[in-house]
PDB file of N, CA and C in Angstrom:
ATOM      1  N   PRO A   1     106.795  96.151   9.491  1.00  0.00           N
ATOM      2  CA  PRO A   1     108.114  95.690   9.059  1.00  0.00           C
ATOM      3  C   PRO A   1     108.890  96.743   8.266  1.00  0.00           C
ATOM      4  N   ASP A   2     108.193  97.552   7.474  1.00  0.00           N
ATOM      5  CA  ASP A   2     108.904  98.537   6.664  1.00  0.00           C
ATOM      6  C   ASP A   2     109.438  99.699   7.503  1.00  0.00           C
ATOM      7  N   ARG A   3     109.005  99.823   8.761  1.00  0.00           N
ATOM      8  CA  ARG A   3     109.518 100.871   9.646  1.00  0.00           C
ATOM      9  C   ARG A   3     110.716 100.398  10.457  1.00  0.00           C
ATOM     10  N   LEU A   4     110.979  99.097  10.442  1.00  0.00           N
ATOM     11  CA  LEU A   4     112.068  98.543  11.251  1.00  0.00           C
ATOM     12  C   LEU A   4     113.411  99.212  10.975  1.00  0.00           C
ATOM     13  N   PRO A   5     113.816  99.399   9.711  1.00  0.00           N
ATOM     14  CA  PRO A   5     115.107 100.068   9.481  1.00  0.00           C
ATOM     15  C   PRO A   5     115.170 101.456  10.138  1.00  0.00           C
ATOM     16  N   HIS A   6     114.066 102.164  10.139  1.00  0.00           N
ATOM     17  CA  HIS A   6     114.015 103.480  10.781  1.00  0.00           C
ATOM     18  C   HIS A   6     114.309 103.358  12.277  1.00  0.00           C
ATOM     19  N   TYR A   7     113.689 102.387  12.937  1.00  0.00           N
ATOM     20  CA  TYR A   7     113.915 102.190  14.367  1.00  0.00           C
ATOM     21  C   TYR A   7     115.332 101.697  14.655  1.00  0.00           C
ATOM     22  N   MET A   8     115.837 100.830  13.785  1.00  0.00           N
ATOM     23  CA  MET A   8     117.168 100.262  14.020  1.00  0.00           C
ATOM     24  C   MET A   8     118.268 101.316  13.955  1.00  0.00           C
ATOM     25  N   LYS A   9     118.022 102.434  13.306  1.00  0.00           N
ATOM     26  CA  LYS A   9     119.018 103.508  13.270  1.00  0.00           C
ATOM     27  C   LYS A   9     119.288 104.066  14.658  1.00  0.00           C
ATOM     28  N   ALA A  10     118.353 103.859  15.567  1.00  0.00           N
ATOM     29  CA  ALA A  10     118.528 104.354  16.937  1.00  0.00           C
ATOM     30  C   ALA A  10     119.217 103.318  17.830  1.00  0.00           C
ATOM     31  N   PHE A  11     119.427 102.094  17.332  1.00  0.00           N
ATOM     32  CA  PHE A  11     120.072 101.035  18.118  1.00  0.00           C
ATOM     33  C   PHE A  11     121.584 101.248  18.143  1.00  0.00           C
ATOM     34  N   ASN A  12     122.212 100.852  19.239  1.00  0.00           N
ATOM     35  CA  ASN A  12     123.675 100.780  19.300  1.00  0.00           C
ATOM     36  C   ASN A  12     124.134  99.330  19.209  1.00  0.00           C
ATOM     37  N   VAL A  13     123.296  98.420  19.715  1.00  0.00           N
ATOM     38  CA  VAL A  13     123.600  96.992  19.766  1.00  0.00           C
ATOM     39  C   VAL A  13     122.308  96.225  19.519  1.00  0.00           C
ATOM     40  N   GLY A  14     122.408  95.141  18.748  1.00  0.00           N
ATOM     41  CA  GLY A  14     121.269  94.250  18.589  1.00  0.00           C
ATOM     42  C   GLY A  14     121.322  93.178  19.667  1.00  0.00           C
ATOM     43  N   ILE A  15     120.171  92.768  20.159  1.00  0.00           N
ATOM     44  CA  ILE A  15     120.156  91.697  21.165  1.00  0.00           C
ATOM     45  C   ILE A  15     119.226  90.578  20.724  1.00  0.00           C
ATOM     46  N   MET A  16     119.600  89.372  21.102  1.00  0.00           N
ATOM     47  CA  MET A  16     118.792  88.191  20.814  1.00  0.00           C
ATOM     48  C   MET A  16     118.790  87.289  22.053  1.00  0.00           C
ATOM     49  N   PRO A  17     118.012  87.674  23.072  1.00  0.00           N
ATOM     50  CA  PRO A  17     117.982  86.878  24.306  1.00  0.00           C
ATOM     51  C   PRO A  17     116.983  85.731  24.212  1.00  0.00           C
ATOM     52  N   TYR A  18     117.390  84.584  24.678  1.00  0.00           N
ATOM     53  CA  TYR A  18     116.503  83.429  24.772  1.00  0.00           C
ATOM     54  C   TYR A  18     116.587  82.878  26.181  1.00  0.00           C
ATOM     55  N   VAL A  19     115.523  82.265  26.622  1.00  0.00           N
ATOM     56  CA  VAL A  19     115.429  81.742  27.980  1.00  0.00           C
ATOM     57  C   VAL A  19     116.013  80.333  28.048  1.00  0.00           C
ATOM     58  N   ILE A  20     116.711  80.052  29.155  1.00  0.00           N
ATOM     59  CA  ILE A  20     117.215  78.695  29.384  1.00  0.00           C
ATOM     60  C   ILE A  20     116.069  77.852  29.926  1.00  0.00           C
ATOM     61  N   VAL A  21     115.842  76.693  29.294  1.00  0.00           N
ATOM     62  CA  VAL A  21     114.774  75.796  29.716  1.00  0.00           C
ATOM     63  C   VAL A  21     115.398  74.479  30.141  1.00  0.00           C
ATOM     64  N   SER A  22     115.207  74.098  31.388  1.00  0.00           N
ATOM     65  CA  SER A  22     115.748  72.844  31.926  1.00  0.00           C
ATOM     66  C   SER A  22     117.244  72.704  31.666  1.00  0.00           C
ATOM     67  N   GLY A  23     117.973  73.783  31.827  1.00  0.00           N
ATOM     68  CA  GLY A  23     119.416  73.743  31.667  1.00  0.00           C
ATOM     69  C   GLY A  23     119.889  73.788  30.231  1.00  0.00           C
ATOM     70  N   HIS A  24     118.974  73.899  29.278  1.00  0.00           N
ATOM     71  CA  HIS A  24     119.340  73.929  27.862  1.00  0.00           C
ATOM     72  C   HIS A  24     118.802  75.207  27.231  1.00  0.00           C
ATOM     73  N   MET A  25     119.517  75.684  26.249  1.00  0.00           N
ATOM     74  CA  MET A  25     119.059  76.865  25.538  1.00  0.00           C
ATOM     75  C   MET A  25     117.982  76.463  24.543  1.00  0.00           C
ATOM     76  N   ALA A  26     116.996  77.302  24.424  1.00  0.00           N
ATOM     77  CA  ALA A  26     115.959  77.083  23.428  1.00  0.00           C
ATOM     78  C   ALA A  26     116.563  77.286  22.036  1.00  0.00           C
ATOM     79  N   TRP A  27     115.957  76.701  21.036  1.00  0.00           N
ATOM     80  CA  TRP A  27     116.415  76.887  19.665  1.00  0.00           C
ATOM     81  C   TRP A  27     115.852  78.200  19.156  1.00  0.00           C
ATOM     82  N   GLY A  28     116.569  78.871  18.320  1.00  0.00           N
ATOM     83  CA  GLY A  28     116.082  80.104  17.713  1.00  0.00           C
ATOM     84  C   GLY A  28     116.764  80.333  16.377  1.00  0.00           C
ATOM     85  N   SER A  29     116.105  81.047  15.517  1.00  0.00           N
ATOM     86  CA  SER A  29     116.658  81.335  14.198  1.00  0.00           C
ATOM     87  C   SER A  29     117.654  82.486  14.283  1.00  0.00           C
ATOM     88  N   PRO A  30     118.799  82.358  13.626  1.00  0.00           N
ATOM     89  CA  PRO A  30     119.789  83.436  13.641  1.00  0.00           C
ATOM     90  C   PRO A  30     119.478  84.558  12.650  1.00  0.00           C
ATOM     91  N   LEU A  31     118.337  84.515  11.987  1.00  0.00           N
ATOM     92  CA  LEU A  31     118.016  85.524  10.980  1.00  0.00           C
ATOM     93  C   LEU A  31     118.109  86.943  11.544  1.00  0.00           C
ATOM     94  N   LYS A  32     117.660  87.128  12.782  1.00  0.00           N
ATOM     95  CA  LYS A  32     117.707  88.448  13.397  1.00  0.00           C
ATOM     96  C   LYS A  32     119.146  88.969  13.476  1.00  0.00           C
ATOM     97  N   LEU A  33     120.105  88.065  13.716  1.00  0.00           N
ATOM     98  CA  LEU A  33     121.507  88.494  13.791  1.00  0.00           C
ATOM     99  C   LEU A  33     121.977  89.064  12.467  1.00  0.00           C
ATOM    100  N   TYR A  34     121.575  88.432  11.365  1.00  0.00           N
ATOM    101  CA  TYR A  34     121.964  88.950  10.058  1.00  0.00           C
ATOM    102  C   TYR A  34     121.274  90.285   9.765  1.00  0.00           C
ATOM    103  N   GLU A  35     120.060  90.464  10.277  1.00  0.00           N
ATOM    104  CA  GLU A  35     119.397  91.760  10.118  1.00  0.00           C
ATOM    105  C   GLU A  35     120.158  92.842  10.894  1.00  0.00           C
ATOM    106  N   TYR A  36     120.614  92.507  12.094  1.00  0.00           N
ATOM    107  CA  TYR A  36     121.416  93.455  12.860  1.00  0.00           C
ATOM    108  C   TYR A  36     122.723  93.767  12.131  1.00  0.00           C
ATOM    109  N   MET A  37     123.377  92.725  11.601  1.00  0.00           N
ATOM    110  CA  MET A  37     124.624  92.944  10.867  1.00  0.00           C
ATOM    111  C   MET A  37     124.392  93.818   9.647  1.00  0.00           C
ATOM    112  N   ALA A  38     123.283  93.597   8.939  1.00  0.00           N
ATOM    113  CA  ALA A  38     122.978  94.406   7.756  1.00  0.00           C
ATOM    114  C   ALA A  38     122.835  95.875   8.128  1.00  0.00           C
ATOM    115  N   ALA A  39     122.420  96.138   9.364  1.00  0.00           N
ATOM    116  CA  ALA A  39     122.319  97.510   9.854  1.00  0.00           C
ATOM    117  C   ALA A  39     123.655  98.004  10.416  1.00  0.00           C
ATOM    118  N   GLY A  40     124.680  97.135  10.389  1.00  0.00           N
ATOM    119  CA  GLY A  40     126.006  97.514  10.881  1.00  0.00           C
ATOM    120  C   GLY A  40     126.184  97.366  12.380  1.00  0.00           C
ATOM    121  N   LEU A  41     125.239  96.686  13.037  1.00  0.00           N
ATOM    122  CA  LEU A  41     125.259  96.599  14.499  1.00  0.00           C
ATOM    123  C   LEU A  41     125.996  95.369  15.021  1.00  0.00           C
ATOM    124  N   PRO A  42     126.778  95.526  16.101  1.00  0.00           N
ATOM    125  CA  PRO A  42     127.257  94.344  16.814  1.00  0.00           C
ATOM    126  C   PRO A  42     126.059  93.776  17.581  1.00  0.00           C
ATOM    127  N   SER A  43     126.130  92.511  17.954  1.00  0.00           N
ATOM    128  CA  SER A  43     124.996  91.880  18.619  1.00  0.00           C
ATOM    129  C   SER A  43     125.438  91.062  19.816  1.00  0.00           C
ATOM    130  N   VAL A  44     124.524  90.923  20.750  1.00  0.00           N
ATOM    131  CA  VAL A  44     124.716  90.050  21.895  1.00  0.00           C
ATOM    132  C   VAL A  44     123.548  89.067  21.863  1.00  0.00           C
ATOM    133  N   ALA A  45     123.883  87.775  21.948  1.00  0.00           N
ATOM    134  CA  ALA A  45     122.852  86.743  21.829  1.00  0.00           C
ATOM    135  C   ALA A  45     123.068  85.640  22.849  1.00  0.00           C
ATOM    136  N   SER A  46     121.992  84.972  23.182  1.00  0.00           N
ATOM    137  CA  SER A  46     122.115  83.749  23.969  1.00  0.00           C
ATOM    138  C   SER A  46     122.858  82.732  23.125  1.00  0.00           C
ATOM    139  N   ARG A  47     123.598  81.870  23.775  1.00  0.00           N
ATOM    140  CA  ARG A  47     124.366  80.860  23.044  1.00  0.00           C
ATOM    141  C   ARG A  47     123.402  79.786  22.531  1.00  0.00           C
ATOM    142  N   LEU A  48     123.180  79.787  21.227  1.00  0.00           N
ATOM    143  CA  LEU A  48     122.295  78.824  20.591  1.00  0.00           C
ATOM    144  C   LEU A  48     123.088  77.994  19.593  1.00  0.00           C
ATOM    145  N   THR A  49     122.755  76.726  19.482  1.00  0.00           N
ATOM    146  CA  THR A  49     123.463  75.880  18.521  1.00  0.00           C
ATOM    147  C   THR A  49     123.136  76.280  17.091  1.00  0.00           C
ATOM    148  N   SER A  50     122.044  77.004  16.886  1.00  0.00           N
ATOM    149  CA  SER A  50     121.645  77.393  15.535  1.00  0.00           C
ATOM    150  C   SER A  50     122.406  78.617  15.013  1.00  0.00           C
ATOM    151  N   ILE A  51     123.224  79.244  15.850  1.00  0.00           N
ATOM    152  CA  ILE A  51     123.977  80.408  15.389  1.00  0.00           C
ATOM    153  C   ILE A  51     125.224  79.927  14.653  1.00  0.00           C
ATOM    154  N   PRO A  52     125.319  80.254  13.368  1.00  0.00           N
ATOM    155  CA  PRO A  52     126.475  79.783  12.588  1.00  0.00           C
ATOM    156  C   PRO A  52     127.779  80.455  13.025  1.00  0.00           C
ATOM    157  N   SER A  53     128.870  79.770  12.766  1.00  0.00           N
ATOM    158  CA  SER A  53     130.175  80.276  13.212  1.00  0.00           C
ATOM    159  C   SER A  53     130.535  81.604  12.550  1.00  0.00           C
ATOM    160  N   ASP A  54     130.069  81.862  11.326  1.00  0.00           N
ATOM    161  CA  ASP A  54     130.419  83.132  10.694  1.00  0.00           C
ATOM    162  C   ASP A  54     129.748  84.314  11.382  1.00  0.00           C
ATOM    163  N   ALA A  55     128.716  84.063  12.158  1.00  0.00           N
ATOM    164  CA  ALA A  55     128.058  85.153  12.879  1.00  0.00           C
ATOM    165  C   ALA A  55     129.010  85.784  13.896  1.00  0.00           C
ATOM    166  N   GLU A  56     129.813  84.956  14.541  1.00  0.00           N
ATOM    167  CA  GLU A  56     130.749  85.494  15.527  1.00  0.00           C
ATOM    168  C   GLU A  56     131.782  86.408  14.856  1.00  0.00           C
ATOM    169  N   LYS A  57     132.099  86.146  13.597  1.00  0.00           N
ATOM    170  CA  LYS A  57     133.016  87.031  12.872  1.00  0.00           C
ATOM    171  C   LYS A  57     132.375  88.391  12.634  1.00  0.00           C
ATOM    172  N   GLY A  58     131.060  88.440  12.720  1.00  0.00           N
ATOM    173  CA  GLY A  58     130.324  89.692  12.540  1.00  0.00           C
ATOM    174  C   GLY A  58     130.040  90.393  13.845  1.00  0.00           C
ATOM    175  N   ASP A  59     130.889  90.133  14.837  1.00  0.00           N
ATOM    176  CA  ASP A  59     130.762  90.775  16.144  1.00  0.00           C
ATOM    177  C   ASP A  59     129.472  90.394  16.860  1.00  0.00           C
ATOM    178  N   VAL A  60     129.202  89.098  16.891  1.00  0.00           N
ATOM    179  CA  VAL A  60     128.109  88.564  17.694  1.00  0.00           C
ATOM    180  C   VAL A  60     128.745  87.967  18.943  1.00  0.00           C
ATOM    181  N   PHE A  61     128.387  88.506  20.080  1.00  0.00           N
ATOM    182  CA  PHE A  61     128.927  88.041  21.348  1.00  0.00           C
ATOM    183  C   PHE A  61     127.919  87.080  21.982  1.00  0.00           C
ATOM    184  N   LEU A  62     128.345  85.834  22.184  1.00  0.00           N
ATOM    185  CA  LEU A  62     127.456  84.811  22.720  1.00  0.00           C
ATOM    186  C   LEU A  62     127.530  84.784  24.235  1.00  0.00           C
ATOM    187  N   SER A  63     126.375  84.716  24.866  1.00  0.00           N
ATOM    188  CA  SER A  63     126.287  84.840  26.322  1.00  0.00           C
ATOM    189  C   SER A  63     125.625  83.624  26.951  1.00  0.00           C
ATOM    190  N   ASP A  64     126.167  83.245  28.120  1.00  0.00           N
ATOM    191  CA  ASP A  64     125.642  82.084  28.836  1.00  0.00           C
ATOM    192  C   ASP A  64     124.863  82.436  30.094  1.00  0.00           C
ATOM    193  N   ASP A  65     125.174  83.571  30.711  1.00  0.00           N
ATOM    194  CA  ASP A  65     124.506  83.935  31.961  1.00  0.00           C
ATOM    195  C   ASP A  65     124.440  85.457  32.068  1.00  0.00           C
ATOM    196  N   GLU A  66     123.822  85.951  33.142  1.00  0.00           N
ATOM    197  CA  GLU A  66     123.624  87.400  33.289  1.00  0.00           C
ATOM    198  C   GLU A  66     124.935  88.182  33.287  1.00  0.00           C
ATOM    199  N   ASP A  67     125.930  87.705  34.031  1.00  0.00           N
ATOM    200  CA  ASP A  67     127.217  88.413  34.068  1.00  0.00           C
ATOM    201  C   ASP A  67     127.854  88.469  32.695  1.00  0.00           C
ATOM    202  N   HIS A  68     127.758  87.362  31.967  1.00  0.00           N
ATOM    203  CA  HIS A  68     128.303  87.299  30.607  1.00  0.00           C
ATOM    204  C   HIS A  68     127.559  88.278  29.698  1.00  0.00           C
ATOM    205  N   TRP A  69     126.253  88.366  29.859  1.00  0.00           N
ATOM    206  CA  TRP A  69     125.454  89.315  29.066  1.00  0.00           C
ATOM    207  C   TRP A  69     125.938  90.747  29.306  1.00  0.00           C
ATOM    208  N   ILE A  70     126.142  91.095  30.561  1.00  0.00           N
ATOM    209  CA  ILE A  70     126.567  92.462  30.890  1.00  0.00           C
ATOM    210  C   ILE A  70     127.927  92.760  30.272  1.00  0.00           C
ATOM    211  N   ARG A  71     128.887  91.845  30.440  1.00  0.00           N
ATOM    212  CA  ARG A  71     130.225  92.050  29.852  1.00  0.00           C
ATOM    213  C   ARG A  71     130.136  92.165  28.334  1.00  0.00           C
ATOM    214  N   ASN A  72     129.354  91.280  27.721  1.00  0.00           N
ATOM    215  CA  ASN A  72     129.239  91.301  26.263  1.00  0.00           C
ATOM    216  C   ASN A  72     128.547  92.565  25.755  1.00  0.00           C
ATOM    217  N   LEU A  73     127.541  93.032  26.475  1.00  0.00           N
ATOM    218  CA  LEU A  73     126.890  94.282  26.071  1.00  0.00           C
ATOM    219  C   LEU A  73     127.874  95.447  26.147  1.00  0.00           C
ATOM    220  N   GLU A  74     128.694  95.471  27.186  1.00  0.00           N
ATOM    221  CA  GLU A  74     129.704  96.534  27.303  1.00  0.00           C
ATOM    222  C   GLU A  74     130.711  96.453  26.163  1.00  0.00           C
ATOM    223  N   MET A  75     131.150  95.227  25.816  1.00  0.00           N
ATOM    224  CA  MET A  75     132.110  95.074  24.706  1.00  0.00           C
ATOM    225  C   MET A  75     131.465  95.494  23.385  1.00  0.00           C
ATOM    226  N   ALA A  76     130.226  95.075  23.159  1.00  0.00           N
ATOM    227  CA  ALA A  76     129.536  95.426  21.920  1.00  0.00           C
ATOM    228  C   ALA A  76     129.353  96.939  21.801  1.00  0.00           C
ATOM    229  N   LEU A  77     128.976  97.567  22.896  1.00  0.00           N
ATOM    230  CA  LEU A  77     128.833  99.031  22.878  1.00  0.00           C
ATOM    231  C   LEU A  77     130.161  99.712  22.564  1.00  0.00           C
ATOM    232  N   GLY A  78     131.251  99.126  23.031  1.00  0.00           N
ATOM    233  CA  GLY A  78     132.571  99.692  22.808  1.00  0.00           C
ATOM    234  C   GLY A  78     133.023  99.664  21.358  1.00  0.00           C
ATOM    235  N   ILE A  79     132.432  98.798  20.546  1.00  0.00           N
ATOM    236  CA  ILE A  79     132.837  98.708  19.133  1.00  0.00           C
ATOM    237  C   ILE A  79     131.715  99.101  18.170  1.00  0.00           C
ATOM    238  N   SER A  80     130.618  99.598  18.699  1.00  0.00           N
ATOM    239  CA  SER A  80     129.456  99.862  17.850  1.00  0.00           C
ATOM    240  C   SER A  80     129.679 100.974  16.828  1.00  0.00           C
ATOM    241  N   ASP A  81     130.605 101.883  17.088  1.00  0.00           N
ATOM    242  CA  ASP A  81     130.836 103.004  16.169  1.00  0.00           C
ATOM    243  C   ASP A  81     132.035 102.822  15.246  1.00  0.00           C
ATOM    244  N   ASP A  82     132.725 101.695  15.332  1.00  0.00           N
ATOM    245  CA  ASP A  82     133.918 101.455  14.514  1.00  0.00           C
ATOM    246  C   ASP A  82     133.505 101.268  13.055  1.00  0.00           C
ATOM    247  N   LYS A  83     133.871 102.217  12.214  1.00  0.00           N
ATOM    248  CA  LYS A  83     133.430 102.211  10.806  1.00  0.00           C
ATOM    249  C   LYS A  83     133.900 100.974  10.037  1.00  0.00           C
ATOM    250  N   ASN A  84     135.127 100.503  10.300  1.00  0.00           N
ATOM    251  CA  ASN A  84     135.610  99.298   9.624  1.00  0.00           C
ATOM    252  C   ASN A  84     134.794  98.075  10.017  1.00  0.00           C
ATOM    253  N   LEU A  85     134.461  97.980  11.304  1.00  0.00           N
ATOM    254  CA  LEU A  85     133.664  96.843  11.764  1.00  0.00           C
ATOM    255  C   LEU A  85     132.227  96.926  11.265  1.00  0.00           C
ATOM    256  N   ILE A  86     131.710  98.123  11.156  1.00  0.00           N
ATOM    257  CA  ILE A  86     130.359  98.294  10.602  1.00  0.00           C
ATOM    258  C   ILE A  86     130.322  97.746   9.180  1.00  0.00           C
ATOM    259  N   GLU A  87     131.326  98.085   8.371  1.00  0.00           N
ATOM    260  CA  GLU A  87     131.377  97.594   6.988  1.00  0.00           C
ATOM    261  C   GLU A  87     131.572  96.075   6.943  1.00  0.00           C
ATOM    262  N   LYS A  88     132.376  95.543   7.860  1.00  0.00           N
ATOM    263  CA  LYS A  88     132.585  94.091   7.917  1.00  0.00           C
ATOM    264  C   LYS A  88     131.258  93.381   8.217  1.00  0.00           C
ATOM    265  N   ARG A  89     130.494  93.906   9.167  1.00  0.00           N
ATOM    266  CA  ARG A  89     129.207  93.305   9.520  1.00  0.00           C
ATOM    267  C   ARG A  89     128.260  93.333   8.326  1.00  0.00           C
ATOM    268  N   LYS A  90     128.224  94.459   7.655  1.00  0.00           N
ATOM    269  CA  LYS A  90     127.339  94.584   6.489  1.00  0.00           C
ATOM    270  C   LYS A  90     127.738  93.610   5.396  1.00  0.00           C
ATOM    271  N   SER A  91     129.034  93.405   5.215  1.00  0.00           N
ATOM    272  CA  SER A  91     129.522  92.462   4.209  1.00  0.00           C
ATOM    273  C   SER A  91     129.109  91.025   4.545  1.00  0.00           C
ATOM    274  N   ILE A  92     129.264  90.636   5.807  1.00  0.00           N
ATOM    275  CA  ILE A  92     128.851  89.293   6.225  1.00  0.00           C
ATOM    276  C   ILE A  92     127.356  89.118   5.984  1.00  0.00           C
ATOM    277  N   ALA A  93     126.582  90.133   6.330  1.00  0.00           N
ATOM    278  CA  ALA A  93     125.129  90.048   6.134  1.00  0.00           C
ATOM    279  C   ALA A  93     124.784  89.912   4.656  1.00  0.00           C
ATOM    280  N   SER A  94     125.486  90.638   3.807  1.00  0.00           N
ATOM    281  CA  SER A  94     125.176  90.589   2.373  1.00  0.00           C
ATOM    282  C   SER A  94     125.456  89.210   1.778  1.00  0.00           C
ATOM    283  N   ASN A  95     126.342  88.448   2.395  1.00  0.00           N
ATOM    284  CA  ASN A  95     126.614  87.082   1.927  1.00  0.00           C
ATOM    285  C   ASN A  95     125.613  86.073   2.476  1.00  0.00           C
ATOM    286  N   ASN A  96     124.691  86.538   3.313  1.00  0.00           N
ATOM    287  CA  ASN A  96     123.726  85.635   3.928  1.00  0.00           C
ATOM    288  C   ASN A  96     122.283  86.054   3.683  1.00  0.00           C
ATOM    289  N   THR A  97     122.053  86.741   2.568  1.00  0.00           N
ATOM    290  CA  THR A  97     120.686  87.083   2.188  1.00  0.00           C
ATOM    291  C   THR A  97     120.048  85.880   1.489  1.00  0.00           C
ATOM    292  N   TRP A  98     118.723  85.919   1.376  1.00  0.00           N
ATOM    293  CA  TRP A  98     118.050  84.826   0.649  1.00  0.00           C
ATOM    294  C   TRP A  98     118.529  84.788  -0.798  1.00  0.00           C
ATOM    295  N   ARG A  99     118.765  85.957  -1.381  1.00  0.00           N
ATOM    296  CA  ARG A  99     119.241  86.005  -2.772  1.00  0.00           C
ATOM    297  C   ARG A  99     120.619  85.351  -2.891  1.00  0.00           C
ATOM    298  N   ALA A 100     121.539  85.689  -1.976  1.00  0.00           N
ATOM    299  CA  ALA A 100     122.885  85.111  -2.015  1.00  0.00           C
ATOM    300  C   ALA A 100     122.826  83.599  -1.837  1.00  0.00           C
ATOM    301  N   ARG A 101     122.003  83.147  -0.905  1.00  0.00           N
ATOM    302  CA  ARG A 101     121.892  81.697  -0.676  1.00  0.00           C
ATOM    303  C   ARG A 101     121.259  80.986  -1.865  1.00  0.00           C
ATOM    304  N   SER A 102     120.234  81.610  -2.464  1.00  0.00           N
ATOM    305  CA  SER A 102     119.592  80.971  -3.619  1.00  0.00           C
ATOM    306  C   SER A 102     120.552  80.912  -4.804  1.00  0.00           C
ATOM    307  N   ASN A 103     121.420  81.917  -4.952  1.00  0.00           N
ATOM    308  CA  ASN A 103     122.429  81.880  -6.020  1.00  0.00           C
ATOM    309  C   ASN A 103     123.403  80.722  -5.824  1.00  0.00           C
ATOM    310  N   ILE A 104     123.771  80.445  -4.591  1.00  0.00           N
ATOM    311  CA  ILE A 104     124.652  79.300  -4.300  1.00  0.00           C
ATOM    312  C   ILE A 104     123.953  78.000  -4.685  1.00  0.00           C
ATOM    313  N   ILE A 105     122.696  77.875  -4.321  1.00  0.00           N
ATOM    314  CA  ILE A 105     121.938  76.657  -4.644  1.00  0.00           C
ATOM    315  C   ILE A 105     121.809  76.505  -6.153  1.00  0.00           C
ATOM    316  N   LEU A 106     121.487  77.600  -6.850  1.00  0.00           N
ATOM    317  CA  LEU A 106     121.364  77.538  -8.310  1.00  0.00           C
ATOM    318  C   LEU A 106     122.675  77.123  -8.970  1.00  0.00           C
ATOM    319  N   LYS A 107     123.770  77.632  -8.469  1.00  0.00           N
ATOM    320  CA  LYS A 107     125.074  77.256  -9.027  1.00  0.00           C
ATOM    321  C   LYS A 107     125.326  75.764  -8.845  1.00  0.00           C
ATOM    322  N   VAL A 108     125.019  75.238  -7.678  1.00  0.00           N
ATOM    323  CA  VAL A 108     125.227  73.800  -7.415  1.00  0.00           C
ATOM    324  C   VAL A 108     124.354  72.977  -8.359  1.00  0.00           C
ATOM    325  N   VAL A 109     123.095  73.395  -8.520  1.00  0.00           N
ATOM    326  CA  VAL A 109     122.190  72.662  -9.406  1.00  0.00           C
ATOM    327  C   VAL A 109     122.695  72.709 -10.843  1.00  0.00           C
ATOM    328  N   LYS A 110     123.128  73.891 -11.304  1.00  0.00           N
ATOM    329  CA  LYS A 110     123.649  74.013 -12.663  1.00  0.00           C
ATOM    330  C   LYS A 110     124.889  73.152 -12.861  1.00  0.00           C
ATOM    331  N   ASP A 111     125.760  73.101 -11.853  1.00  0.00           N
ATOM    332  CA  ASP A 111     126.953  72.265 -11.943  1.00  0.00           C
ATOM    333  C   ASP A 111     126.596  70.784 -12.025  1.00  0.00           C
ATOM    334  N   ILE A 112     125.564  70.381 -11.342  1.00  0.00           N
ATOM    335  CA  ILE A 112     125.129  68.977 -11.362  1.00  0.00           C
ATOM    336  C   ILE A 112     124.537  68.638 -12.724  1.00  0.00           C
ATOM    337  N   ILE A 113     123.784  69.547 -13.299  1.00  0.00           N
ATOM    338  CA  ILE A 113     123.106  69.311 -14.577  1.00  0.00           C
ATOM    339  C   ILE A 113     124.093  69.238 -15.728  1.00  0.00           C
ATOM    340  N   LYS A 114     125.192  69.960 -15.639  1.00  0.00           N
ATOM    341  CA  LYS A 114     126.182  69.984 -16.732  1.00  0.00           C
ATOM    342  C   LYS A 114     126.716  68.623 -17.057  1.00  0.00           C
TER     343      LYS A 114
END
């Protein structure tokens, strides 16, 4: 796991493919998308209900079939070097770390206790 950031420096696009089972997409955790965003990468993923809407703001292209995957990979590659978008992705990821989420929960609990 500690070598992953080293390998991700060689990526241009993050991918999160899932197999369609009986006409439905399998469930999957979007955590990998936030890891890709933290590395500044655009991503292409299977369309999963578990992917939050803010992920799409981080240049996550959702795909339904092979043709869609190809188009989305081409679009993602086309924006992978945009410095402004890289910073935007990193910002979205920083708001979705375990620390950021736990701070939100702590604030809610403190507000309730007051």
